[in-house]
Amino acid sequence: MKNYLSILLIFFFSCKDNKTDTLFYKGNQALSKQNYSQAIQWYNRCIQKNKQYKNAYNNRGVAYLKNNNIGQAILDFNTAISIDSQYVDAYFNRANAYYIQNRYLKAIKDLHKIKQFYPDSSKIYITEGIIHFQAKMYTEAKISFLHALKRDTTNGEIYGNLGTTYFYLKKKDSATHYLKKGLFYIPNNPQIHNTISQILVQQEKYDSALAHINTALKTSYHESSFQNNKGYILLKTNKIDESLEYFNRAIYYDANNANAHKNKGIYYQKKQQWNHALEHFLKAHSLDKKIENIHFLLAQVYQKLNNQKKANEHIQQL
């Protein structure tokens, strides 16, 4: 799946019954028009008149989150929940905020709270599965997506996410099954095509893999992982010079894409430019200590650079 949780933030609307609600209404208008700073000002005035106005805190938190002030957003969601411990919208919004901060366990805890109120909501289980996936808790992600599927059997997103999760669990037959089901419902979904492409690469079916990754790129050209994956296919089919532009583009769109740095290192390795290869392997390792084969690759490059001591350090990590 795309490794983001789509931010579905919930904010409350109100009628203009009194002065406080009028301020709140104006804040909502500004929020709907994406005038986040202006919305915050209206909610500030609303809260000054009623410090127990939970919806104003929640909506101001949404505005802060949209304005990339995540810490302040969490404080507002906390306040809304302290006023009403069963305020589901605030729990959901806070889970999104925690997710953005990579505080996955806290996000999952909030979702567990929401499930007490909406035990049959497929959306909650989808969200929980995506967060587990991002936390690399793939077995837990699989369980969440299976729960979602029980509640919504025609949702292509669930099938796609489940297929991608099985791919990461190295269960390719199950992955292929669910990914094909996903394409039945959403035939142009870029993430599903991307994952199918990765499976085909492992099967050395490079032409088919290239067709799927090209389909993914048609609708998600700026997705770093797709650019990287196309570059890798070109690398595997000895189109070495062509591959570099895709690795460069992947890193441009996401400088912290560890796999793109690793693959760019492999490109330089094939070009026998050992210092450049080392630079990108080290960058990949700094971004993801568990990235596949990185110690083997580093050991190879250090040997080429006649640094056997460093090579041995990485050989010991194999």
C-alpha atoms as a PDB file:
ATOM      1  CA  MET A   1       0.000   0.000   0.000  1.00  0.00           C
ATOM      2  CA  LYS A   2       0.945   3.555  -0.238  1.00  0.00           C
ATOM      3  CA  ASN A   3       2.883   4.119   2.904  1.00  0.00           C
ATOM      4  CA  TYR A   4       0.781   6.993   4.113  1.00  0.00           C
ATOM      5  CA  LEU A   5      -2.357   7.190   6.102  1.00  0.00           C
ATOM      6  CA  SER A   6      -4.749   9.405   4.192  1.00  0.00           C
ATOM      7  CA  ILE A   7      -5.527  12.184   6.622  1.00  0.00           C
ATOM      8  CA  LEU A   8      -9.292  12.090   7.086  1.00  0.00           C
ATOM      9  CA  LEU A   9      -9.758  14.774   9.681  1.00  0.00           C
ATOM     10  CA  ILE A  10     -13.153  15.251  11.283  1.00  0.00           C
ATOM     11  CA  PHE A  11     -14.406  18.641  12.268  1.00  0.00           C
ATOM     12  CA  PHE A  12     -17.769  19.563  13.700  1.00  0.00           C
ATOM     13  CA  PHE A  13     -20.273  21.976  12.165  1.00  0.00           C
ATOM     14  CA  SER A  14     -22.756  24.040  14.133  1.00  0.00           C
ATOM     15  CA  CYS A  15     -25.658  26.380  13.556  1.00  0.00           C
ATOM     16  CA  LYS A  16     -25.350  30.095  14.440  1.00  0.00           C
ATOM     17  CA  ASP A  17     -27.573  30.049  17.514  1.00  0.00           C
ATOM     18  CA  ASN A  18     -25.628  32.527  19.653  1.00  0.00           C
ATOM     19  CA  LYS A  19     -22.500  34.701  19.715  1.00  0.00           C
ATOM     20  CA  THR A  20     -20.187  31.794  20.500  1.00  0.00           C
ATOM     21  CA  ASP A  21     -21.681  29.611  17.789  1.00  0.00           C
ATOM     22  CA  THR A  22     -21.370  32.465  15.311  1.00  0.00           C
ATOM     23  CA  LEU A  23     -17.627  32.636  15.978  1.00  0.00           C
ATOM     24  CA  PHE A  24     -17.441  28.862  15.683  1.00  0.00           C
ATOM     25  CA  TYR A  25     -19.345  28.955  12.396  1.00  0.00           C
ATOM     26  CA  LYS A  26     -16.958  31.549  10.983  1.00  0.00           C
ATOM     27  CA  GLY A  27     -14.033  29.375  12.023  1.00  0.00           C
ATOM     28  CA  ASN A  28     -15.574  26.451  10.172  1.00  0.00           C
ATOM     29  CA  GLN A  29     -16.076  28.556   7.076  1.00  0.00           C
ATOM     30  CA  ALA A  30     -12.406  29.542   7.129  1.00  0.00           C
ATOM     31  CA  LEU A  31     -11.365  25.945   7.733  1.00  0.00           C
ATOM     32  CA  SER A  32     -13.446  24.721   4.804  1.00  0.00           C
ATOM     33  CA  LYS A  33     -11.775  27.332   2.577  1.00  0.00           C
ATOM     34  CA  GLN A  34      -8.322  26.186   3.809  1.00  0.00           C
ATOM     35  CA  ASN A  35      -7.715  29.525   5.515  1.00  0.00           C
ATOM     36  CA  TYR A  36      -6.191  27.751   8.494  1.00  0.00           C
ATOM     37  CA  SER A  37      -4.594  30.714  10.265  1.00  0.00           C
ATOM     38  CA  GLN A  38      -7.830  32.665  10.024  1.00  0.00           C
ATOM     39  CA  ALA A  39      -9.787  29.654  11.291  1.00  0.00           C
ATOM     40  CA  ILE A  40      -7.489  29.427  14.318  1.00  0.00           C
ATOM     41  CA  GLN A  41      -8.185  33.079  15.133  1.00  0.00           C
ATOM     42  CA  TRP A  42     -11.938  32.511  15.066  1.00  0.00           C
ATOM     43  CA  TYR A  43     -11.648  29.412  17.268  1.00  0.00           C
ATOM     44  CA  ASN A  44      -9.425  31.367  19.683  1.00  0.00           C
ATOM     45  CA  ARG A  45     -12.203  33.917  20.132  1.00  0.00           C
ATOM     46  CA  CYS A  46     -14.756  31.159  20.513  1.00  0.00           C
ATOM     47  CA  ILE A  47     -12.702  29.422  23.231  1.00  0.00           C
ATOM     48  CA  GLN A  48     -12.180  32.725  25.053  1.00  0.00           C
ATOM     49  CA  LYS A  49     -15.942  32.932  25.481  1.00  0.00           C
ATOM     50  CA  ASN A  50     -16.411  29.251  26.396  1.00  0.00           C
ATOM     51  CA  LYS A  51     -13.392  27.305  27.644  1.00  0.00           C
ATOM     52  CA  GLN A  52     -15.435  24.074  27.694  1.00  0.00           C
ATOM     53  CA  TYR A  53     -16.357  24.233  24.002  1.00  0.00           C
ATOM     54  CA  LYS A  54     -14.964  20.833  22.974  1.00  0.00           C
ATOM     55  CA  ASN A  55     -15.830  21.230  19.273  1.00  0.00           C
ATOM     56  CA  ALA A  56     -13.843  24.449  19.069  1.00  0.00           C
ATOM     57  CA  TYR A  57     -10.774  22.725  20.516  1.00  0.00           C
ATOM     58  CA  ASN A  58     -11.196  19.819  18.098  1.00  0.00           C
ATOM     59  CA  ASN A  59     -11.629  22.044  15.067  1.00  0.00           C
ATOM     60  CA  ARG A  60      -8.766  24.308  16.079  1.00  0.00           C
ATOM     61  CA  GLY A  61      -6.656  21.159  16.390  1.00  0.00           C
ATOM     62  CA  VAL A  62      -7.590  20.251  12.812  1.00  0.00           C
ATOM     63  CA  ALA A  63      -6.574  23.738  11.657  1.00  0.00           C
ATOM     64  CA  TYR A  64      -3.265  23.466  13.515  1.00  0.00           C
ATOM     65  CA  LEU A  65      -2.648  20.052  11.988  1.00  0.00           C
ATOM     66  CA  LYS A  66      -3.374  21.346   8.498  1.00  0.00           C
ATOM     67  CA  ASN A  67      -0.972  24.205   9.280  1.00  0.00           C
ATOM     68  CA  ASN A  68       1.742  21.656  10.194  1.00  0.00           C
ATOM     69  CA  ASN A  69       1.698  22.611  13.879  1.00  0.00           C
ATOM     70  CA  ILE A  70       1.291  19.039  15.038  1.00  0.00           C
ATOM     71  CA  GLY A  71       2.288  19.555  18.672  1.00  0.00           C
ATOM     72  CA  GLN A  72      -0.316  22.276  19.191  1.00  0.00           C
ATOM     73  CA  ALA A  73      -2.904  20.154  17.388  1.00  0.00           C
ATOM     74  CA  ILE A  74      -2.331  17.288  19.815  1.00  0.00           C
ATOM     75  CA  LEU A  75      -2.708  19.648  22.777  1.00  0.00           C
ATOM     76  CA  ASP A  76      -6.094  20.761  21.432  1.00  0.00           C
ATOM     77  CA  PHE A  77      -7.266  17.195  20.823  1.00  0.00           C
ATOM     78  CA  ASN A  78      -6.120  16.339  24.364  1.00  0.00           C
ATOM     79  CA  THR A  79      -8.193  19.209  25.749  1.00  0.00           C
ATOM     80  CA  ALA A  80     -11.261  18.180  23.754  1.00  0.00           C
ATOM     81  CA  ILE A  81     -10.945  14.624  25.091  1.00  0.00           C
ATOM     82  CA  SER A  82     -10.453  15.882  28.650  1.00  0.00           C
ATOM     83  CA  ILE A  83     -13.784  17.714  28.323  1.00  0.00           C
ATOM     84  CA  ASP A  84     -15.510  14.650  26.848  1.00  0.00           C
ATOM     85  CA  SER A  85     -13.754  11.316  27.273  1.00  0.00           C
ATOM     86  CA  GLN A  86     -16.050   9.763  24.646  1.00  0.00           C
ATOM     87  CA  TYR A  87     -15.358  12.352  21.951  1.00  0.00           C
ATOM     88  CA  VAL A  88     -14.652   9.967  19.058  1.00  0.00           C
ATOM     89  CA  ASP A  89     -13.789  12.637  16.478  1.00  0.00           C
ATOM     90  CA  ALA A  90     -11.010  14.006  18.667  1.00  0.00           C
ATOM     91  CA  TYR A  91      -9.581  10.506  19.215  1.00  0.00           C
ATOM     92  CA  PHE A  92      -9.531   9.920  15.460  1.00  0.00           C
ATOM     93  CA  ASN A  93      -7.891  13.264  14.747  1.00  0.00           C
ATOM     94  CA  ARG A  94      -5.309  12.694  17.478  1.00  0.00           C
ATOM     95  CA  ALA A  95      -4.533   9.276  15.996  1.00  0.00           C
ATOM     96  CA  ASN A  96      -3.805  11.019  12.680  1.00  0.00           C
ATOM     97  CA  ALA A  97      -1.532  13.501  14.447  1.00  0.00           C
ATOM     98  CA  TYR A  98       0.366  10.725  16.229  1.00  0.00           C
ATOM     99  CA  TYR A  99       0.674   8.900  12.918  1.00  0.00           C
ATOM    100  CA  ILE A 100       2.294  11.918  11.276  1.00  0.00           C
ATOM    101  CA  GLN A 101       4.805  12.007  14.145  1.00  0.00           C
ATOM    102  CA  ASN A 102       5.533   8.274  13.668  1.00  0.00           C
ATOM    103  CA  ARG A 103       4.159   7.633  17.166  1.00  0.00           C
ATOM    104  CA  TYR A 104       2.419   4.530  15.934  1.00  0.00           C
ATOM    105  CA  LEU A 105       1.631   2.825  19.232  1.00  0.00           C
ATOM    106  CA  LYS A 106      -0.114   5.939  20.526  1.00  0.00           C
ATOM    107  CA  ALA A 107      -2.115   6.179  17.298  1.00  0.00           C
ATOM    108  CA  ILE A 108      -3.156   2.536  17.600  1.00  0.00           C
ATOM    109  CA  LYS A 109      -4.198   3.083  21.223  1.00  0.00           C
ATOM    110  CA  ASP A 110      -6.559   5.861  20.119  1.00  0.00           C
ATOM    111  CA  LEU A 111      -8.012   3.639  17.408  1.00  0.00           C
ATOM    112  CA  HIS A 112      -8.667   0.913  19.992  1.00  0.00           C
ATOM    113  CA  LYS A 113     -10.659   3.485  21.922  1.00  0.00           C
ATOM    114  CA  ILE A 114     -12.705   4.340  18.820  1.00  0.00           C
ATOM    115  CA  LYS A 115     -13.422   0.656  18.169  1.00  0.00           C
ATOM    116  CA  GLN A 116     -15.294   0.545  21.485  1.00  0.00           C
ATOM    117  CA  PHE A 117     -17.853   2.879  19.919  1.00  0.00           C
ATOM    118  CA  TYR A 118     -17.726   1.622  16.309  1.00  0.00           C
ATOM    119  CA  PRO A 119     -16.768  -2.080  16.439  1.00  0.00           C
ATOM    120  CA  ASP A 120     -18.152  -2.735  12.948  1.00  0.00           C
ATOM    121  CA  SER A 121     -16.450   0.121  11.128  1.00  0.00           C
ATOM    122  CA  SER A 122     -14.218  -1.129   8.320  1.00  0.00           C
ATOM    123  CA  LYS A 123     -12.637   2.345   8.099  1.00  0.00           C
ATOM    124  CA  ILE A 124     -11.200   2.038  11.612  1.00  0.00           C
ATOM    125  CA  TYR A 125      -9.677  -1.355  10.852  1.00  0.00           C
ATOM    126  CA  ILE A 126      -8.238  -0.063   7.555  1.00  0.00           C
ATOM    127  CA  THR A 127      -6.640   2.846   9.389  1.00  0.00           C
ATOM    128  CA  GLU A 128      -5.314   0.534  12.088  1.00  0.00           C
ATOM    129  CA  GLY A 129      -3.872  -1.786   9.439  1.00  0.00           C
ATOM    130  CA  ILE A 130      -2.074   1.069   7.678  1.00  0.00           C
ATOM    131  CA  ILE A 131      -0.539   2.244  10.942  1.00  0.00           C
ATOM    132  CA  HIS A 132       0.590  -1.289  11.817  1.00  0.00           C
ATOM    133  CA  PHE A 133       2.072  -1.567   8.335  1.00  0.00           C
ATOM    134  CA  GLN A 134       4.003   1.671   8.706  1.00  0.00           C
ATOM    135  CA  ALA A 135       5.290   0.409  12.058  1.00  0.00           C
ATOM    136  CA  LYS A 136       6.475  -2.740  10.198  1.00  0.00           C
ATOM    137  CA  MET A 137       4.114  -4.826  12.335  1.00  0.00           C
ATOM    138  CA  TYR A 138       3.039  -6.821   9.291  1.00  0.00           C
ATOM    139  CA  THR A 139       1.278  -9.686  11.066  1.00  0.00           C
ATOM    140  CA  GLU A 140      -0.814  -7.203  13.051  1.00  0.00           C
ATOM    141  CA  ALA A 141      -1.528  -5.261   9.841  1.00  0.00           C
ATOM    142  CA  LYS A 142      -2.753  -8.449   8.168  1.00  0.00           C
ATOM    143  CA  ILE A 143      -5.128  -9.136  11.064  1.00  0.00           C
ATOM    144  CA  SER A 144      -6.514  -5.587  10.918  1.00  0.00           C
ATOM    145  CA  PHE A 145      -7.106  -5.771   7.175  1.00  0.00           C
ATOM    146  CA  LEU A 146      -8.799  -9.172   7.501  1.00  0.00           C
ATOM    147  CA  HIS A 147     -11.134  -7.657  10.095  1.00  0.00           C
ATOM    148  CA  ALA A 148     -11.833  -4.792   7.677  1.00  0.00           C
ATOM    149  CA  LEU A 149     -12.545  -7.263   4.871  1.00  0.00           C
ATOM    150  CA  LYS A 150     -15.121  -9.084   7.005  1.00  0.00           C
ATOM    151  CA  ARG A 151     -16.984  -5.779   7.301  1.00  0.00           C
ATOM    152  CA  ASP A 152     -16.639  -4.684   3.668  1.00  0.00           C
ATOM    153  CA  THR A 153     -16.077  -7.386   1.055  1.00  0.00           C
ATOM    154  CA  THR A 154     -16.202  -5.096  -1.994  1.00  0.00           C
ATOM    155  CA  ASN A 155     -13.560  -2.568  -0.983  1.00  0.00           C
ATOM    156  CA  GLY A 156     -10.642  -2.740  -3.408  1.00  0.00           C
ATOM    157  CA  GLU A 157      -8.426  -0.731  -1.069  1.00  0.00           C
ATOM    158  CA  ILE A 158      -8.666  -3.447   1.566  1.00  0.00           C
ATOM    159  CA  TYR A 159      -7.743  -6.171  -0.917  1.00  0.00           C
ATOM    160  CA  GLY A 160      -4.821  -4.096  -2.166  1.00  0.00           C
ATOM    161  CA  ASN A 161      -3.546  -3.351   1.328  1.00  0.00           C
ATOM    162  CA  LEU A 162      -3.914  -6.979   2.346  1.00  0.00           C
ATOM    163  CA  GLY A 163      -2.068  -8.146  -0.760  1.00  0.00           C
ATOM    164  CA  THR A 164       0.776  -5.715  -0.114  1.00  0.00           C
ATOM    165  CA  THR A 165       0.974  -6.865   3.497  1.00  0.00           C
ATOM    166  CA  TYR A 166       1.223 -10.514   2.435  1.00  0.00           C
ATOM    167  CA  PHE A 167       4.000  -9.484   0.041  1.00  0.00           C
ATOM    168  CA  TYR A 168       5.957  -8.048   2.963  1.00  0.00           C
ATOM    169  CA  LEU A 169       5.241 -11.247   4.892  1.00  0.00           C
ATOM    170  CA  LYS A 170       6.895 -13.075   1.943  1.00  0.00           C
ATOM    171  CA  LYS A 171       3.688 -14.963   1.106  1.00  0.00           C
ATOM    172  CA  LYS A 172       3.569 -14.270  -2.602  1.00  0.00           C
ATOM    173  CA  ASP A 173       0.679 -16.587  -3.495  1.00  0.00           C
ATOM    174  CA  SER A 174      -1.625 -14.927  -0.975  1.00  0.00           C
ATOM    175  CA  ALA A 175      -0.315 -11.516  -2.027  1.00  0.00           C
ATOM    176  CA  THR A 176      -1.081 -12.178  -5.693  1.00  0.00           C
ATOM    177  CA  HIS A 177      -4.574 -13.462  -4.850  1.00  0.00           C
ATOM    178  CA  TYR A 178      -5.591 -10.356  -2.917  1.00  0.00           C
ATOM    179  CA  LEU A 179      -3.885  -7.936  -5.301  1.00  0.00           C
ATOM    180  CA  LYS A 180      -5.814  -9.367  -8.256  1.00  0.00           C
ATOM    181  CA  LYS A 181      -9.030  -9.027  -6.246  1.00  0.00           C
ATOM    182  CA  GLY A 182      -8.075  -5.429  -5.575  1.00  0.00           C
ATOM    183  CA  LEU A 183      -7.576  -4.723  -9.279  1.00  0.00           C
ATOM    184  CA  PHE A 184     -11.035  -6.112  -9.984  1.00  0.00           C
ATOM    185  CA  TYR A 185     -12.543  -3.290  -7.930  1.00  0.00           C
ATOM    186  CA  ILE A 186      -9.975  -0.547  -8.607  1.00  0.00           C
ATOM    187  CA  PRO A 187      -8.209  -1.504 -11.863  1.00  0.00           C
ATOM    188  CA  ASN A 188      -5.988   1.575 -12.066  1.00  0.00           C
ATOM    189  CA  ASN A 189      -4.845   1.657  -8.436  1.00  0.00           C
ATOM    190  CA  PRO A 190      -1.146   2.593  -8.602  1.00  0.00           C
ATOM    191  CA  GLN A 191      -0.068   0.905  -5.372  1.00  0.00           C
ATOM    192  CA  ILE A 192      -1.547  -2.432  -6.417  1.00  0.00           C
ATOM    193  CA  HIS A 193       0.244  -2.231  -9.769  1.00  0.00           C
ATOM    194  CA  ASN A 194       3.449  -1.319  -7.958  1.00  0.00           C
ATOM    195  CA  THR A 195       3.281  -4.331  -5.635  1.00  0.00           C
ATOM    196  CA  ILE A 196       2.428  -6.697  -8.490  1.00  0.00           C
ATOM    197  CA  SER A 197       5.454  -5.282 -10.285  1.00  0.00           C
ATOM    198  CA  GLN A 198       7.656  -6.114  -7.302  1.00  0.00           C
ATOM    199  CA  ILE A 199       6.380  -9.693  -7.252  1.00  0.00           C
ATOM    200  CA  LEU A 200       7.079 -10.051 -10.969  1.00  0.00           C
ATOM    201  CA  VAL A 201      10.624  -8.730 -10.458  1.00  0.00           C
ATOM    202  CA  GLN A 202      11.230 -11.481  -7.910  1.00  0.00           C
ATOM    203  CA  GLN A 203       9.970 -13.965 -10.514  1.00  0.00           C
ATOM    204  CA  GLU A 204      12.324 -12.353 -13.083  1.00  0.00           C
ATOM    205  CA  LYS A 205       9.363 -11.447 -15.320  1.00  0.00           C
ATOM    206  CA  TYR A 206      10.797  -8.037 -16.074  1.00  0.00           C
ATOM    207  CA  ASP A 207       8.688  -7.064 -19.093  1.00  0.00           C
ATOM    208  CA  SER A 208       5.453  -7.615 -17.177  1.00  0.00           C
ATOM    209  CA  ALA A 209       6.936  -5.899 -14.129  1.00  0.00           C
ATOM    210  CA  LEU A 210       7.812  -2.865 -16.243  1.00  0.00           C
ATOM    211  CA  ALA A 211       4.267  -2.699 -17.652  1.00  0.00           C
ATOM    212  CA  HIS A 212       2.772  -2.627 -14.145  1.00  0.00           C
ATOM    213  CA  ILE A 213       5.172  -0.025 -12.763  1.00  0.00           C
ATOM    214  CA  ASN A 214       4.534   2.164 -15.808  1.00  0.00           C
ATOM    215  CA  THR A 215       0.805   1.945 -15.066  1.00  0.00           C
ATOM    216  CA  ALA A 216       1.494   3.002 -11.480  1.00  0.00           C
ATOM    217  CA  LEU A 217       3.605   5.951 -12.631  1.00  0.00           C
ATOM    218  CA  LYS A 218       0.899   7.195 -15.002  1.00  0.00           C
ATOM    219  CA  THR A 219      -1.246   8.219 -12.057  1.00  0.00           C
ATOM    220  CA  SER A 220       1.435   8.685  -9.363  1.00  0.00           C
ATOM    221  CA  TYR A 221       4.452  10.080 -11.188  1.00  0.00           C
ATOM    222  CA  HIS A 222       5.743  11.930  -8.120  1.00  0.00           C
ATOM    223  CA  GLU A 223       5.717   8.847  -5.875  1.00  0.00           C
ATOM    224  CA  SER A 224       9.309   8.234  -4.834  1.00  0.00           C
ATOM    225  CA  SER A 225       8.970   4.486  -4.309  1.00  0.00           C
ATOM    226  CA  PHE A 226       7.526   3.974  -7.794  1.00  0.00           C
ATOM    227  CA  GLN A 227      10.373   5.912  -9.386  1.00  0.00           C
ATOM    228  CA  ASN A 228      12.859   3.826  -7.429  1.00  0.00           C
ATOM    229  CA  ASN A 229      11.171   0.560  -8.378  1.00  0.00           C
ATOM    230  CA  LYS A 230      11.258   1.405 -12.081  1.00  0.00           C
ATOM    231  CA  GLY A 231      14.926   2.278 -11.766  1.00  0.00           C
ATOM    232  CA  TYR A 232      15.557  -1.094 -10.119  1.00  0.00           C
ATOM    233  CA  ILE A 233      13.844  -2.936 -12.984  1.00  0.00           C
ATOM    234  CA  LEU A 234      16.037  -1.087 -15.467  1.00  0.00           C
ATOM    235  CA  LEU A 235      19.079  -1.965 -13.378  1.00  0.00           C
ATOM    236  CA  LYS A 236      18.098  -5.648 -13.391  1.00  0.00           C
ATOM    237  CA  THR A 237      17.672  -5.612 -17.174  1.00  0.00           C
ATOM    238  CA  ASN A 238      21.122  -4.063 -17.705  1.00  0.00           C
ATOM    239  CA  LYS A 239      19.738  -0.660 -18.707  1.00  0.00           C
ATOM    240  CA  ILE A 240      22.146   0.781 -16.204  1.00  0.00           C
ATOM    241  CA  ASP A 241      22.509   4.287 -17.577  1.00  0.00           C
ATOM    242  CA  GLU A 242      18.718   4.702 -17.862  1.00  0.00           C
ATOM    243  CA  SER A 243      18.220   3.634 -14.265  1.00  0.00           C
ATOM    244  CA  LEU A 244      20.113   6.573 -12.740  1.00  0.00           C
ATOM    245  CA  GLU A 245      17.509   9.217 -13.626  1.00  0.00           C
ATOM    246  CA  TYR A 246      14.828   7.219 -11.769  1.00  0.00           C
ATOM    247  CA  PHE A 247      16.945   6.876  -8.632  1.00  0.00           C
ATOM    248  CA  ASN A 248      17.712  10.583  -8.780  1.00  0.00           C
ATOM    249  CA  ARG A 249      14.030  11.381  -9.185  1.00  0.00           C
ATOM    250  CA  ALA A 250      13.101   9.064  -6.326  1.00  0.00           C
ATOM    251  CA  ILE A 251      15.544  10.831  -4.015  1.00  0.00           C
ATOM    252  CA  TYR A 252      14.352  14.231  -5.235  1.00  0.00           C
ATOM    253  CA  TYR A 253      10.763  13.380  -4.291  1.00  0.00           C
ATOM    254  CA  ASP A 254      11.829  11.785  -0.994  1.00  0.00           C
ATOM    255  CA  ALA A 255      15.358  12.398   0.241  1.00  0.00           C
ATOM    256  CA  ASN A 256      14.813   9.792   2.974  1.00  0.00           C
ATOM    257  CA  ASN A 257      14.005   6.927   0.621  1.00  0.00           C
ATOM    258  CA  ALA A 258      16.536   4.395   1.885  1.00  0.00           C
ATOM    259  CA  ASN A 259      15.918   1.922  -0.944  1.00  0.00           C
ATOM    260  CA  ALA A 260      16.554   4.589  -3.563  1.00  0.00           C
ATOM    261  CA  HIS A 261      19.898   5.417  -1.956  1.00  0.00           C
ATOM    262  CA  LYS A 262      20.774   1.728  -1.798  1.00  0.00           C
ATOM    263  CA  ASN A 263      19.892   1.193  -5.443  1.00  0.00           C
ATOM    264  CA  LYS A 264      21.783   4.299  -6.499  1.00  0.00           C
ATOM    265  CA  GLY A 265      24.736   2.820  -4.628  1.00  0.00           C
ATOM    266  CA  ILE A 266      24.335  -0.382  -6.660  1.00  0.00           C
ATOM    267  CA  TYR A 267      24.314   1.741  -9.819  1.00  0.00           C
ATOM    268  CA  TYR A 268      27.670   3.281  -8.825  1.00  0.00           C
ATOM    269  CA  GLN A 269      28.931  -0.158  -7.828  1.00  0.00           C
ATOM    270  CA  LYS A 270      28.216  -1.414 -11.350  1.00  0.00           C
ATOM    271  CA  LYS A 271      30.024   1.652 -12.667  1.00  0.00           C
ATOM    272  CA  GLN A 272      32.944   0.813 -10.343  1.00  0.00           C
ATOM    273  CA  GLN A 273      32.697   4.228  -8.740  1.00  0.00           C
ATOM    274  CA  TRP A 274      33.336   2.897  -5.267  1.00  0.00           C
ATOM    275  CA  ASN A 275      33.347   6.132  -3.277  1.00  0.00           C
ATOM    276  CA  HIS A 276      29.989   7.201  -4.685  1.00  0.00           C
ATOM    277  CA  ALA A 277      28.627   3.720  -4.020  1.00  0.00           C
ATOM    278  CA  LEU A 278      29.859   3.893  -0.430  1.00  0.00           C
ATOM    279  CA  GLU A 279      28.247   7.309   0.080  1.00  0.00           C
ATOM    280  CA  HIS A 280      24.806   6.031  -0.903  1.00  0.00           C
ATOM    281  CA  PHE A 281      25.077   2.710   0.939  1.00  0.00           C
ATOM    282  CA  LEU A 282      25.998   4.577   4.114  1.00  0.00           C
ATOM    283  CA  LYS A 283      23.081   6.954   3.595  1.00  0.00           C
ATOM    284  CA  ALA A 284      20.703   4.024   3.107  1.00  0.00           C
ATOM    285  CA  HIS A 285      22.020   2.376   6.265  1.00  0.00           C
ATOM    286  CA  SER A 286      21.621   5.587   8.264  1.00  0.00           C
ATOM    287  CA  LEU A 287      17.990   5.845   7.150  1.00  0.00           C
ATOM    288  CA  ASP A 288      17.109   2.203   7.741  1.00  0.00           C
ATOM    289  CA  LYS A 289      19.386   0.003   9.834  1.00  0.00           C
ATOM    290  CA  LYS A 290      17.527  -3.125   8.719  1.00  0.00           C
ATOM    291  CA  ILE A 291      17.475  -2.465   4.982  1.00  0.00           C
ATOM    292  CA  GLU A 292      18.016  -5.697   3.087  1.00  0.00           C
ATOM    293  CA  ASN A 293      21.582  -6.744   2.103  1.00  0.00           C
ATOM    294  CA  ILE A 294      23.134  -3.461   3.216  1.00  0.00           C
ATOM    295  CA  HIS A 295      25.946  -5.063   5.243  1.00  0.00           C
ATOM    296  CA  PHE A 296      26.857  -7.323   2.316  1.00  0.00           C
ATOM    297  CA  LEU A 297      26.948  -4.340  -0.036  1.00  0.00           C
ATOM    298  CA  LEU A 298      29.024  -2.240   2.367  1.00  0.00           C
ATOM    299  CA  ALA A 299      31.474  -5.100   2.881  1.00  0.00           C
ATOM    300  CA  GLN A 300      31.933  -5.418  -0.890  1.00  0.00           C
ATOM    301  CA  VAL A 301      32.628  -1.719  -1.359  1.00  0.00           C
ATOM    302  CA  TYR A 302      35.029  -1.493   1.583  1.00  0.00           C
ATOM    303  CA  GLN A 303      36.963  -4.418   0.121  1.00  0.00           C
ATOM    304  CA  LYS A 304      37.201  -2.599  -3.218  1.00  0.00           C
ATOM    305  CA  LEU A 305      38.494   0.433  -1.310  1.00  0.00           C
ATOM    306  CA  ASN A 306      41.092  -1.763   0.427  1.00  0.00           C
ATOM    307  CA  ASN A 307      39.569  -1.170   3.849  1.00  0.00           C
ATOM    308  CA  GLN A 308      39.423  -4.742   5.100  1.00  0.00           C
ATOM    309  CA  LYS A 309      38.837  -3.692   8.706  1.00  0.00           C
ATOM    310  CA  LYS A 310      35.601  -1.960   7.811  1.00  0.00           C
ATOM    311  CA  ALA A 311      34.660  -4.776   5.463  1.00  0.00           C
ATOM    312  CA  ASN A 312      35.074  -7.287   8.291  1.00  0.00           C
ATOM    313  CA  GLU A 313      32.869  -5.205  10.584  1.00  0.00           C
ATOM    314  CA  HIS A 314      29.993  -5.530   8.113  1.00  0.00           C
ATOM    315  CA  ILE A 315      30.733  -9.158   7.302  1.00  0.00           C
ATOM    316  CA  GLN A 316      30.226  -9.890  11.011  1.00  0.00           C
ATOM    317  CA  GLN A 317      26.746  -8.345  10.741  1.00  0.00           C
ATOM    318  CA  LEU A 318      25.659 -10.798   8.025  1.00  0.00           C
END
